[in-house]
Amino acid sequence: MDLYISAAEYDYHTLLKVSEMAGLAGIIGFHEAGDGYLVTFPDGENAEALINDYKGRLRDLENNIWMH
């Protein structure tokens, strides 16, 4: 399952850092796609939950940065 993320929203290093924080390093893949990135999650019954968790962690990181 793939998730498209615009490079205008997040850079590659942020996406990678969040994957490490979520324990997904080496499990999900990152691919350049036009003006953004495709984040590839393993297919399975919990793929949607992994994507939702990942997107939530991105929002949390963004909120923490802007709050300080």
PDB file of N, CA and C in Angstrom:
ATOM      1  N   MET A   1       0.853  -1.157   0.000  1.00  0.00           N
ATOM      2  CA  MET A   1       0.000   0.000   0.000  1.00  0.00           C
ATOM      3  C   MET A   1       0.905   1.228   0.000  1.00  0.00           C
ATOM      4  N   ASP A   2       0.569   2.222  -0.802  1.00  0.00           N
ATOM      5  CA  ASP A   2       1.392   3.419  -0.946  1.00  0.00           C
ATOM      6  C   ASP A   2       0.703   4.650  -0.392  1.00  0.00           C
ATOM      7  N   LEU A   3       1.527   5.559   0.108  1.00  0.00           N
ATOM      8  CA  LEU A   3       1.062   6.853   0.607  1.00  0.00           C
ATOM      9  C   LEU A   3       1.888   7.913  -0.090  1.00  0.00           C
ATOM     10  N   TYR A   4       1.241   8.847  -0.785  1.00  0.00           N
ATOM     11  CA  TYR A   4       1.957   9.945  -1.440  1.00  0.00           C
ATOM     12  C   TYR A   4       2.059  11.110  -0.466  1.00  0.00           C
ATOM     13  N   ILE A   5       3.281  11.652  -0.341  1.00  0.00           N
ATOM     14  CA  ILE A   5       3.508  12.816   0.511  1.00  0.00           C
ATOM     15  C   ILE A   5       4.248  13.865  -0.303  1.00  0.00           C
ATOM     16  N   SER A   6       3.711  15.052  -0.349  1.00  0.00           N
ATOM     17  CA  SER A   6       4.299  16.144  -1.106  1.00  0.00           C
ATOM     18  C   SER A   6       5.602  16.619  -0.462  1.00  0.00           C
ATOM     19  N   ALA A   7       6.597  16.894  -1.297  1.00  0.00           N
ATOM     20  CA  ALA A   7       7.872  17.422  -0.804  1.00  0.00           C
ATOM     21  C   ALA A   7       7.699  18.834  -0.263  1.00  0.00           C
ATOM     22  N   ALA A   8       6.615  19.504  -0.621  1.00  0.00           N
ATOM     23  CA  ALA A   8       6.338  20.838  -0.076  1.00  0.00           C
ATOM     24  C   ALA A   8       5.922  20.743   1.392  1.00  0.00           C
ATOM     25  N   GLU A   9       5.401  19.593   1.809  1.00  0.00           N
ATOM     26  CA  GLU A   9       4.976  19.395   3.190  1.00  0.00           C
ATOM     27  C   GLU A   9       6.103  18.870   4.071  1.00  0.00           C
ATOM     28  N   TYR A  10       6.818  17.847   3.593  1.00  0.00           N
ATOM     29  CA  TYR A  10       7.860  17.188   4.382  1.00  0.00           C
ATOM     30  C   TYR A  10       9.045  16.852   3.496  1.00  0.00           C
ATOM     31  N   ASP A  11      10.241  16.965   4.054  1.00  0.00           N
ATOM     32  CA  ASP A  11      11.415  16.552   3.299  1.00  0.00           C
ATOM     33  C   ASP A  11      11.738  15.090   3.588  1.00  0.00           C
ATOM     34  N   TYR A  12      12.647  14.548   2.796  1.00  0.00           N
ATOM     35  CA  TYR A  12      12.999  13.135   2.892  1.00  0.00           C
ATOM     36  C   TYR A  12      13.511  12.762   4.281  1.00  0.00           C
ATOM     37  N   HIS A  13      14.354  13.610   4.857  1.00  0.00           N
ATOM     38  CA  HIS A  13      14.949  13.291   6.154  1.00  0.00           C
ATOM     39  C   HIS A  13      13.897  13.244   7.262  1.00  0.00           C
ATOM     40  N   THR A  14      12.890  14.083   7.169  1.00  0.00           N
ATOM     41  CA  THR A  14      11.801  14.050   8.146  1.00  0.00           C
ATOM     42  C   THR A  14      11.022  12.746   8.019  1.00  0.00           C
ATOM     43  N   LEU A  15      10.735  12.352   6.794  1.00  0.00           N
ATOM     44  CA  LEU A  15      10.011  11.097   6.573  1.00  0.00           C
ATOM     45  C   LEU A  15      10.800   9.909   7.123  1.00  0.00           C
ATOM     46  N   LEU A  16      12.091   9.917   6.887  1.00  0.00           N
ATOM     47  CA  LEU A  16      12.942   8.840   7.377  1.00  0.00           C
ATOM     48  C   LEU A  16      12.998   8.827   8.904  1.00  0.00           C
ATOM     49  N   LYS A  17      13.144  10.002   9.514  1.00  0.00           N
ATOM     50  CA  LYS A  17      13.211  10.100  10.976  1.00  0.00           C
ATOM     51  C   LYS A  17      11.924   9.588  11.610  1.00  0.00           C
ATOM     52  N   VAL A  18      10.781   9.946  11.052  1.00  0.00           N
ATOM     53  CA  VAL A  18       9.498   9.489  11.594  1.00  0.00           C
ATOM     54  C   VAL A  18       9.381   7.970  11.455  1.00  0.00           C
ATOM     55  N   SER A  19       9.891   7.416  10.359  1.00  0.00           N
ATOM     56  CA  SER A  19       9.836   5.952  10.214  1.00  0.00           C
ATOM     57  C   SER A  19      10.674   5.282  11.298  1.00  0.00           C
ATOM     58  N   GLU A  20      11.814   5.877  11.638  1.00  0.00           N
ATOM     59  CA  GLU A  20      12.645   5.327  12.713  1.00  0.00           C
ATOM     60  C   GLU A  20      11.929   5.439  14.057  1.00  0.00           C
ATOM     61  N   MET A  21      11.297   6.577  14.311  1.00  0.00           N
ATOM     62  CA  MET A  21      10.578   6.785  15.567  1.00  0.00           C
ATOM     63  C   MET A  21       9.409   5.809  15.706  1.00  0.00           C
ATOM     64  N   ALA A  22       8.804   5.453  14.580  1.00  0.00           N
ATOM     65  CA  ALA A  22       7.643   4.557  14.590  1.00  0.00           C
ATOM     66  C   ALA A  22       8.045   3.082  14.571  1.00  0.00           C
ATOM     67  N   GLY A  23       9.340   2.813  14.516  1.00  0.00           N
ATOM     68  CA  GLY A  23       9.798   1.426  14.445  1.00  0.00           C
ATOM     69  C   GLY A  23       9.577   0.793  13.087  1.00  0.00           C
ATOM     70  N   LEU A  24       9.502   1.629  12.051  1.00  0.00           N
ATOM     71  CA  LEU A  24       9.222   1.128  10.708  1.00  0.00           C
ATOM     72  C   LEU A  24      10.429   1.192   9.779  1.00  0.00           C
ATOM     73  N   ALA A  25      11.589   1.589  10.297  1.00  0.00           N
ATOM     74  CA  ALA A  25      12.794   1.653   9.464  1.00  0.00           C
ATOM     75  C   ALA A  25      13.093   0.267   8.912  1.00  0.00           C
ATOM     76  N   GLY A  26      13.295   0.193   7.612  1.00  0.00           N
ATOM     77  CA  GLY A  26      13.552  -1.085   6.970  1.00  0.00           C
ATOM     78  C   GLY A  26      12.297  -1.849   6.605  1.00  0.00           C
ATOM     79  N   ILE A  27      11.157  -1.403   7.105  1.00  0.00           N
ATOM     80  CA  ILE A  27       9.884  -2.066   6.802  1.00  0.00           C
ATOM     81  C   ILE A  27       9.149  -1.318   5.694  1.00  0.00           C
ATOM     82  N   ILE A  28       9.227   0.014   5.738  1.00  0.00           N
ATOM     83  CA  ILE A  28       8.588   0.819   4.695  1.00  0.00           C
ATOM     84  C   ILE A  28       9.670   1.352   3.767  1.00  0.00           C
ATOM     85  N   GLY A  29       9.273   1.657   2.547  1.00  0.00           N
ATOM     86  CA  GLY A  29      10.210   2.159   1.553  1.00  0.00           C
ATOM     87  C   GLY A  29       9.843   3.559   1.120  1.00  0.00           C
ATOM     88  N   PHE A  30      10.834   4.284   0.622  1.00  0.00           N
ATOM     89  CA  PHE A  30      10.643   5.658   0.156  1.00  0.00           C
ATOM     90  C   PHE A  30      11.115   5.763  -1.283  1.00  0.00           C
ATOM     91  N   HIS A  31      10.291   6.373  -2.122  1.00  0.00           N
ATOM     92  CA  HIS A  31      10.601   6.508  -3.536  1.00  0.00           C
ATOM     93  C   HIS A  31      10.224   7.915  -3.989  1.00  0.00           C
ATOM     94  N   GLU A  32      11.120   8.568  -4.738  1.00  0.00           N
ATOM     95  CA  GLU A  32      10.786   9.875  -5.288  1.00  0.00           C
ATOM     96  C   GLU A  32       9.671   9.697  -6.310  1.00  0.00           C
ATOM     97  N   ALA A  33       8.729  10.633  -6.262  1.00  0.00           N
ATOM     98  CA  ALA A  33       7.587  10.568  -7.179  1.00  0.00           C
ATOM     99  C   ALA A  33       7.167  11.984  -7.544  1.00  0.00           C
ATOM    100  N   GLY A  34       7.687  12.492  -8.644  1.00  0.00           N
ATOM    101  CA  GLY A  34       7.345  13.847  -9.059  1.00  0.00           C
ATOM    102  C   GLY A  34       7.818  14.864  -8.041  1.00  0.00           C
ATOM    103  N   ASP A  35       6.893  15.612  -7.491  1.00  0.00           N
ATOM    104  CA  ASP A  35       7.204  16.633  -6.490  1.00  0.00           C
ATOM    105  C   ASP A  35       6.991  16.113  -5.075  1.00  0.00           C
ATOM    106  N   GLY A  36       7.221  14.842  -4.864  1.00  0.00           N
ATOM    107  CA  GLY A  36       7.014  14.282  -3.538  1.00  0.00           C
ATOM    108  C   GLY A  36       7.618  12.906  -3.430  1.00  0.00           C
ATOM    109  N   TYR A  37       7.041  12.132  -2.525  1.00  0.00           N
ATOM    110  CA  TYR A  37       7.555  10.796  -2.233  1.00  0.00           C
ATOM    111  C   TYR A  37       6.404   9.810  -2.105  1.00  0.00           C
ATOM    112  N   LEU A  38       6.641   8.590  -2.553  1.00  0.00           N
ATOM    113  CA  LEU A  38       5.732   7.494  -2.279  1.00  0.00           C
ATOM    114  C   LEU A  38       6.330   6.726  -1.112  1.00  0.00           C
ATOM    115  N   VAL A  39       5.562   6.602  -0.066  1.00  0.00           N
ATOM    116  CA  VAL A  39       5.973   5.819   1.086  1.00  0.00           C
ATOM    117  C   VAL A  39       5.238   4.493   0.947  1.00  0.00           C
ATOM    118  N   THR A  40       5.985   3.411   0.813  1.00  0.00           N
ATOM    119  CA  THR A  40       5.417   2.100   0.554  1.00  0.00           C
ATOM    120  C   THR A  40       5.374   1.281   1.835  1.00  0.00           C
ATOM    121  N   PHE A  41       4.184   0.858   2.199  1.00  0.00           N
ATOM    122  CA  PHE A  41       3.949   0.045   3.386  1.00  0.00           C
ATOM    123  C   PHE A  41       3.683  -1.388   2.954  1.00  0.00           C
ATOM    124  N   PRO A  42       4.060  -2.363   3.778  1.00  0.00           N
ATOM    125  CA  PRO A  42       3.798  -3.756   3.404  1.00  0.00           C
ATOM    126  C   PRO A  42       2.292  -4.035   3.350  1.00  0.00           C
ATOM    127  N   ASP A  43       1.900  -4.800   2.345  1.00  0.00           N
ATOM    128  CA  ASP A  43       0.493  -5.186   2.235  1.00  0.00           C
ATOM    129  C   ASP A  43       0.144  -6.140   3.361  1.00  0.00           C
ATOM    130  N   GLY A  44      -1.042  -6.003   3.850  1.00  0.00           N
ATOM    131  CA  GLY A  44      -1.516  -6.875   4.919  1.00  0.00           C
ATOM    132  C   GLY A  44      -2.708  -6.253   5.587  1.00  0.00           C
ATOM    133  N   GLU A  45      -3.251  -6.964   6.531  1.00  0.00           N
ATOM    134  CA  GLU A  45      -4.479  -6.490   7.167  1.00  0.00           C
ATOM    135  C   GLU A  45      -4.254  -5.278   8.063  1.00  0.00           C
ATOM    136  N   ASN A  46      -3.005  -5.011   8.483  1.00  0.00           N
ATOM    137  CA  ASN A  46      -2.762  -3.858   9.338  1.00  0.00           C
ATOM    138  C   ASN A  46      -2.104  -2.697   8.584  1.00  0.00           C
ATOM    139  N   ALA A  47      -2.076  -2.750   7.250  1.00  0.00           N
ATOM    140  CA  ALA A  47      -1.446  -1.693   6.459  1.00  0.00           C
ATOM    141  C   ALA A  47      -2.107  -0.342   6.713  1.00  0.00           C
ATOM    142  N   GLU A  48      -3.415  -0.314   6.766  1.00  0.00           N
ATOM    143  CA  GLU A  48      -4.143   0.946   6.996  1.00  0.00           C
ATOM    144  C   GLU A  48      -3.797   1.524   8.371  1.00  0.00           C
ATOM    145  N   ALA A  49      -3.683   0.678   9.369  1.00  0.00           N
ATOM    146  CA  ALA A  49      -3.319   1.135  10.719  1.00  0.00           C
ATOM    147  C   ALA A  49      -1.896   1.682  10.743  1.00  0.00           C
ATOM    148  N   LEU A  50      -0.982   1.038  10.015  1.00  0.00           N
ATOM    149  CA  LEU A  50       0.395   1.543   9.939  1.00  0.00           C
ATOM    150  C   LEU A  50       0.448   2.913   9.285  1.00  0.00           C
ATOM    151  N   ILE A  51      -0.313   3.080   8.210  1.00  0.00           N
ATOM    152  CA  ILE A  51      -0.351   4.368   7.517  1.00  0.00           C
ATOM    153  C   ILE A  51      -0.930   5.444   8.424  1.00  0.00           C
ATOM    154  N   ASN A  52      -2.016   5.145   9.098  1.00  0.00           N
ATOM    155  CA  ASN A  52      -2.623   6.129  10.006  1.00  0.00           C
ATOM    156  C   ASN A  52      -1.685   6.499  11.142  1.00  0.00           C
ATOM    157  N   ASP A  53      -0.971   5.523  11.684  1.00  0.00           N
ATOM    158  CA  ASP A  53       0.004   5.788  12.744  1.00  0.00           C
ATOM    159  C   ASP A  53       1.127   6.678  12.220  1.00  0.00           C
ATOM    160  N   TYR A  54       1.629   6.363  11.040  1.00  0.00           N
ATOM    161  CA  TYR A  54       2.714   7.138  10.443  1.00  0.00           C
ATOM    162  C   TYR A  54       2.283   8.585  10.204  1.00  0.00           C
ATOM    163  N   LYS A  55       1.099   8.780   9.611  1.00  0.00           N
ATOM    164  CA  LYS A  55       0.602  10.138   9.368  1.00  0.00           C
ATOM    165  C   LYS A  55       0.387  10.885  10.674  1.00  0.00           C
ATOM    166  N   GLY A  56      -0.075  10.205  11.696  1.00  0.00           N
ATOM    167  CA  GLY A  56      -0.254  10.830  13.003  1.00  0.00           C
ATOM    168  C   GLY A  56       1.064  11.277  13.599  1.00  0.00           C
ATOM    169  N   ARG A  57       2.093  10.468  13.446  1.00  0.00           N
ATOM    170  CA  ARG A  57       3.419  10.829  13.957  1.00  0.00           C
ATOM    171  C   ARG A  57       3.999  12.017  13.197  1.00  0.00           C
ATOM    172  N   LEU A  58       3.729  12.096  11.885  1.00  0.00           N
ATOM    173  CA  LEU A  58       4.162  13.269  11.118  1.00  0.00           C
ATOM    174  C   LEU A  58       3.503  14.535  11.659  1.00  0.00           C
ATOM    175  N   ARG A  59       2.194  14.463  11.916  1.00  0.00           N
ATOM    176  CA  ARG A  59       1.479  15.621  12.471  1.00  0.00           C
ATOM    177  C   ARG A  59       2.004  15.981  13.855  1.00  0.00           C
ATOM    178  N   ASP A  60       2.255  14.968  14.681  1.00  0.00           N
ATOM    179  CA  ASP A  60       2.789  15.221  16.025  1.00  0.00           C
ATOM    180  C   ASP A  60       4.143  15.907  15.957  1.00  0.00           C
ATOM    181  N   LEU A  61       5.001  15.448  15.059  1.00  0.00           N
ATOM    182  CA  LEU A  61       6.318  16.059  14.908  1.00  0.00           C
ATOM    183  C   LEU A  61       6.176  17.505  14.460  1.00  0.00           C
ATOM    184  N   GLU A  62       5.296  17.743  13.502  1.00  0.00           N
ATOM    185  CA  GLU A  62       5.062  19.108  13.018  1.00  0.00           C
ATOM    186  C   GLU A  62       4.558  19.999  14.150  1.00  0.00           C
ATOM    187  N   ASN A  63       3.628  19.509  14.935  1.00  0.00           N
ATOM    188  CA  ASN A  63       3.086  20.301  16.038  1.00  0.00           C
ATOM    189  C   ASN A  63       4.146  20.602  17.092  1.00  0.00           C
ATOM    190  N   ASN A  64       5.002  19.637  17.386  1.00  0.00           N
ATOM    191  CA  ASN A  64       6.057  19.866  18.366  1.00  0.00           C
ATOM    192  C   ASN A  64       7.057  20.899  17.888  1.00  0.00           C
ATOM    193  N   ILE A  65       7.389  20.859  16.614  1.00  0.00           N
ATOM    194  CA  ILE A  65       8.344  21.835  16.071  1.00  0.00           C
ATOM    195  C   ILE A  65       7.768  23.240  16.153  1.00  0.00           C
ATOM    196  N   TRP A  66       6.514  23.404  15.744  1.00  0.00           N
ATOM    197  CA  TRP A  66       5.922  24.739  15.703  1.00  0.00           C
ATOM    198  C   TRP A  66       5.545  25.261  17.069  1.00  0.00           C
ATOM    199  N   MET A  67       5.434  24.378  18.046  1.00  0.00           N
ATOM    200  CA  MET A  67       5.053  24.829  19.394  1.00  0.00           C
ATOM    201  C   MET A  67       6.231  25.434  20.139  1.00  0.00           C
ATOM    202  N   HIS A  68       7.461  25.154  19.713  1.00  0.00           N
ATOM    203  CA  HIS A  68       8.640  25.619  20.424  1.00  0.00           C
ATOM    204  C   HIS A  68       9.293  26.796  19.748  1.00  0.00           C
TER     205      HIS A  68
END
